[in-house]
Amino acid sequence: MGKIARNAVRIAVAAGITAAVTLGASGSASANVQAAPPPGCTGGDFCAWPQVDFGGNMNSWSPNHTGCVDMVAGDGYYKNSFHNGTAHKVTVYNWRDCTGGSVTIAPGSSYSGIQGGAWRYASGPQPVRPGGAQ
């Protein structure tokens, strides 16, 4: 598993979400995909929570954002659970400048289990490159 832990691993999720997750030093990754929106996230918004399984205070963004959106700036917390209520694919990145490992979330879908620092609209799945290079 050592070689896998040093490289990016692609995870294809059957629910129509394509995820690309970079493994940490432990060499393990876990993800929770949900079809139903978590409570409190209104239709049309992109929502994020600081804890896995949608725990903690929710933050939401209206669909009129462009470019790289920093999710940490508002409350100081990286996010670990997400719901995409927009009509477009959204890519969540590990770091606040839209770099690092990423996961692309389909419209109407939820995802939990990757540290997210920023998001932006995606035209398709974003590949993970070792070392966070873009």
C-alpha atoms as a PDB file:
ATOM      1  CA  MET A   1       0.000   0.000   0.000  1.00  0.00           C
ATOM      2  CA  GLY A   2       3.014   2.306   0.385  1.00  0.00           C
ATOM      3  CA  LYS A   3       3.200   3.102  -3.323  1.00  0.00           C
ATOM      4  CA  ILE A   4      -0.529   3.754  -3.480  1.00  0.00           C
ATOM      5  CA  ALA A   5      -0.316   6.052  -0.451  1.00  0.00           C
ATOM      6  CA  ARG A   6       2.246   8.186  -2.280  1.00  0.00           C
ATOM      7  CA  ASN A   7       0.193   8.481  -5.425  1.00  0.00           C
ATOM      8  CA  ALA A   8      -3.273   9.779  -6.166  1.00  0.00           C
ATOM      9  CA  VAL A   9      -6.049   7.218  -6.293  1.00  0.00           C
ATOM     10  CA  ARG A  10      -9.185   7.552  -8.394  1.00  0.00           C
ATOM     11  CA  ILE A  11     -12.456   6.423  -6.933  1.00  0.00           C
ATOM     12  CA  ALA A  12     -15.429   6.014  -9.242  1.00  0.00           C
ATOM     13  CA  VAL A  13     -18.686   6.291  -7.350  1.00  0.00           C
ATOM     14  CA  ALA A  14     -21.702   4.529  -8.828  1.00  0.00           C
ATOM     15  CA  ALA A  15     -24.116   7.351  -7.947  1.00  0.00           C
ATOM     16  CA  GLY A  16     -22.944   9.378 -10.930  1.00  0.00           C
ATOM     17  CA  ILE A  17     -20.310  11.308  -9.021  1.00  0.00           C
ATOM     18  CA  THR A  18     -16.733  11.057 -10.161  1.00  0.00           C
ATOM     19  CA  ALA A  19     -14.347  11.486  -7.261  1.00  0.00           C
ATOM     20  CA  ALA A  20     -10.625  11.889  -7.204  1.00  0.00           C
ATOM     21  CA  VAL A  21      -9.160  11.629  -3.722  1.00  0.00           C
ATOM     22  CA  THR A  22      -5.557  11.923  -2.610  1.00  0.00           C
ATOM     23  CA  LEU A  23      -4.682   9.469   0.126  1.00  0.00           C
ATOM     24  CA  GLY A  24      -3.090  10.750   3.313  1.00  0.00           C
ATOM     25  CA  ALA A  25      -0.060   9.337   5.100  1.00  0.00           C
ATOM     26  CA  SER A  26      -2.157   6.519   6.544  1.00  0.00           C
ATOM     27  CA  GLY A  27      -2.976   5.293   3.035  1.00  0.00           C
ATOM     28  CA  SER A  28      -6.711   5.186   3.610  1.00  0.00           C
ATOM     29  CA  ALA A  29      -9.624   7.189   2.322  1.00  0.00           C
ATOM     30  CA  SER A  30     -13.317   7.035   3.055  1.00  0.00           C
ATOM     31  CA  ALA A  31     -16.250   8.725   1.433  1.00  0.00           C
ATOM     32  CA  ASN A  32     -19.966   8.887   2.029  1.00  0.00           C
ATOM     33  CA  VAL A  33     -22.185   9.653  -0.941  1.00  0.00           C
ATOM     34  CA  GLN A  34     -25.818  10.582  -0.394  1.00  0.00           C
ATOM     35  CA  ALA A  35     -28.554  11.132  -2.942  1.00  0.00           C
ATOM     36  CA  ALA A  36     -30.896  13.218  -0.745  1.00  0.00           C
ATOM     37  CA  PRO A  37     -29.956  16.758   0.283  1.00  0.00           C
ATOM     38  CA  PRO A  38     -29.025  17.149   3.941  1.00  0.00           C
ATOM     39  CA  PRO A  39     -31.447  19.180   6.083  1.00  0.00           C
ATOM     40  CA  GLY A  40     -31.092  22.941   5.843  1.00  0.00           C
ATOM     41  CA  CYS A  41     -29.551  23.204   2.380  1.00  0.00           C
ATOM     42  CA  THR A  42     -32.008  25.053   0.158  1.00  0.00           C
ATOM     43  CA  GLY A  43     -32.416  24.249  -3.514  1.00  0.00           C
ATOM     44  CA  GLY A  44     -30.050  26.068  -5.844  1.00  0.00           C
ATOM     45  CA  ASP A  45     -27.230  26.581  -3.311  1.00  0.00           C
ATOM     46  CA  PHE A  46     -23.907  24.837  -2.820  1.00  0.00           C
ATOM     47  CA  CYS A  47     -23.659  23.882   0.881  1.00  0.00           C
ATOM     48  CA  ALA A  48     -20.751  22.714   3.037  1.00  0.00           C
ATOM     49  CA  TRP A  49     -20.255  21.526   6.633  1.00  0.00           C
ATOM     50  CA  PRO A  50     -17.016  21.385   8.661  1.00  0.00           C
ATOM     51  CA  GLN A  51     -17.581  17.821   9.913  1.00  0.00           C
ATOM     52  CA  VAL A  52     -17.930  14.486   8.137  1.00  0.00           C
ATOM     53  CA  ASP A  53     -21.559  13.335   7.801  1.00  0.00           C
ATOM     54  CA  PHE A  54     -22.853  16.923   7.636  1.00  0.00           C
ATOM     55  CA  GLY A  55     -22.069  17.924  11.220  1.00  0.00           C
ATOM     56  CA  GLY A  56     -21.426  21.428  12.485  1.00  0.00           C
ATOM     57  CA  ASN A  57     -22.669  24.742  11.152  1.00  0.00           C
ATOM     58  CA  MET A  58     -23.635  24.759   7.481  1.00  0.00           C
ATOM     59  CA  ASN A  59     -22.289  27.386   5.083  1.00  0.00           C
ATOM     60  CA  SER A  60     -23.991  28.020   1.740  1.00  0.00           C
ATOM     61  CA  TRP A  61     -23.226  29.900  -1.444  1.00  0.00           C
ATOM     62  CA  SER A  62     -25.680  31.021  -4.110  1.00  0.00           C
ATOM     63  CA  PRO A  63     -25.050  29.796  -7.661  1.00  0.00           C
ATOM     64  CA  ASN A  64     -23.893  33.211  -8.957  1.00  0.00           C
ATOM     65  CA  HIS A  65     -20.211  32.720  -7.983  1.00  0.00           C
ATOM     66  CA  THR A  66     -17.447  32.546 -10.574  1.00  0.00           C
ATOM     67  CA  GLY A  67     -13.843  31.440 -10.245  1.00  0.00           C
ATOM     68  CA  CYS A  68     -12.301  29.833  -7.172  1.00  0.00           C
ATOM     69  CA  VAL A  69     -14.438  30.282  -4.016  1.00  0.00           C
ATOM     70  CA  ASP A  70     -12.569  30.090  -0.672  1.00  0.00           C
ATOM     71  CA  MET A  71     -14.727  28.106   1.785  1.00  0.00           C
ATOM     72  CA  VAL A  72     -12.503  28.756   4.826  1.00  0.00           C
ATOM     73  CA  ALA A  73     -12.578  32.567   4.789  1.00  0.00           C
ATOM     74  CA  GLY A  74     -16.089  32.875   6.277  1.00  0.00           C
ATOM     75  CA  ASP A  75     -15.680  30.901   9.499  1.00  0.00           C
ATOM     76  CA  GLY A  76     -12.057  29.684   9.559  1.00  0.00           C
ATOM     77  CA  TYR A  77     -12.898  25.987   9.059  1.00  0.00           C
ATOM     78  CA  TYR A  78     -12.076  23.625   6.221  1.00  0.00           C
ATOM     79  CA  LYS A  79     -15.182  21.701   5.130  1.00  0.00           C
ATOM     80  CA  ASN A  80     -15.666  17.904   5.029  1.00  0.00           C
ATOM     81  CA  SER A  81     -19.269  17.416   3.785  1.00  0.00           C
ATOM     82  CA  PHE A  82     -20.931  18.952   0.732  1.00  0.00           C
ATOM     83  CA  HIS A  83     -24.245  19.179  -1.107  1.00  0.00           C
ATOM     84  CA  ASN A  84     -24.483  20.509  -4.642  1.00  0.00           C
ATOM     85  CA  GLY A  85     -27.927  22.025  -5.071  1.00  0.00           C
ATOM     86  CA  THR A  86     -26.842  23.960  -8.186  1.00  0.00           C
ATOM     87  CA  ALA A  87     -27.592  22.964 -11.766  1.00  0.00           C
ATOM     88  CA  HIS A  88     -23.877  22.466 -12.579  1.00  0.00           C
ATOM     89  CA  LYS A  89     -21.073  20.135 -11.543  1.00  0.00           C
ATOM     90  CA  VAL A  90     -18.964  21.541  -8.710  1.00  0.00           C
ATOM     91  CA  THR A  91     -15.357  20.580  -7.959  1.00  0.00           C
ATOM     92  CA  VAL A  92     -14.184  20.771  -4.335  1.00  0.00           C
ATOM     93  CA  TYR A  93     -10.424  21.156  -3.803  1.00  0.00           C
ATOM     94  CA  ASN A  94      -8.309  20.383  -0.727  1.00  0.00           C
ATOM     95  CA  TRP A  95      -6.721  23.826  -0.595  1.00  0.00           C
ATOM     96  CA  ARG A  96      -8.092  27.360  -0.507  1.00  0.00           C
ATOM     97  CA  ASP A  97      -6.570  28.265  -3.900  1.00  0.00           C
ATOM     98  CA  CYS A  98      -8.339  25.454  -5.840  1.00  0.00           C
ATOM     99  CA  THR A  99      -5.325  23.119  -5.847  1.00  0.00           C
ATOM    100  CA  GLY A 100      -4.586  19.724  -4.337  1.00  0.00           C
ATOM    101  CA  GLY A 101      -6.822  16.672  -4.336  1.00  0.00           C
ATOM    102  CA  SER A 102     -10.343  17.171  -5.589  1.00  0.00           C
ATOM    103  CA  VAL A 103     -13.783  15.656  -5.926  1.00  0.00           C
ATOM    104  CA  THR A 104     -16.366  16.612  -8.544  1.00  0.00           C
ATOM    105  CA  ILE A 105     -19.965  16.525  -7.302  1.00  0.00           C
ATOM    106  CA  ALA A 106     -22.895  16.170  -9.699  1.00  0.00           C
ATOM    107  CA  PRO A 107     -25.932  18.478  -9.439  1.00  0.00           C
ATOM    108  CA  GLY A 108     -28.314  17.354  -6.706  1.00  0.00           C
ATOM    109  CA  SER A 109     -25.745  15.093  -5.040  1.00  0.00           C
ATOM    110  CA  SER A 110     -23.977  15.099  -1.683  1.00  0.00           C
ATOM    111  CA  TYR A 111     -20.500  13.971  -0.663  1.00  0.00           C
ATOM    112  CA  SER A 112     -18.747  13.566   2.670  1.00  0.00           C
ATOM    113  CA  GLY A 113     -15.183  12.559   3.415  1.00  0.00           C
ATOM    114  CA  ILE A 114     -12.701  14.916   1.703  1.00  0.00           C
ATOM    115  CA  GLN A 115     -11.191  18.035   3.252  1.00  0.00           C
ATOM    116  CA  GLY A 116     -12.301  21.003   1.187  1.00  0.00           C
ATOM    117  CA  GLY A 117     -10.809  24.470   1.186  1.00  0.00           C
ATOM    118  CA  ALA A 118     -12.320  25.868  -2.014  1.00  0.00           C
ATOM    119  CA  TRP A 119     -14.775  25.084  -4.817  1.00  0.00           C
ATOM    120  CA  ARG A 120     -15.611  26.143  -8.351  1.00  0.00           C
ATOM    121  CA  TYR A 121     -17.890  25.069 -11.170  1.00  0.00           C
ATOM    122  CA  ALA A 122     -16.480  22.195 -13.197  1.00  0.00           C
ATOM    123  CA  SER A 123     -16.864  21.281 -16.833  1.00  0.00           C
ATOM    124  CA  GLY A 124     -15.911  17.686 -16.039  1.00  0.00           C
ATOM    125  CA  PRO A 125     -13.988  15.505 -13.580  1.00  0.00           C
ATOM    126  CA  GLN A 126     -10.763  17.087 -12.357  1.00  0.00           C
ATOM    127  CA  PRO A 127      -7.700  14.823 -12.197  1.00  0.00           C
ATOM    128  CA  VAL A 128      -5.612  14.623  -9.048  1.00  0.00           C
ATOM    129  CA  ARG A 129      -1.927  15.176  -9.614  1.00  0.00           C
ATOM    130  CA  PRO A 130       0.658  13.969  -7.076  1.00  0.00           C
ATOM    131  CA  GLY A 131       1.930  16.745  -4.838  1.00  0.00           C
ATOM    132  CA  GLY A 132      -1.010  19.007  -5.615  1.00  0.00           C
ATOM    133  CA  ALA A 133       0.495  20.272  -8.902  1.00  0.00           C
ATOM    134  CA  GLN A 134      -2.080  21.630 -11.304  1.00  0.00           C
END
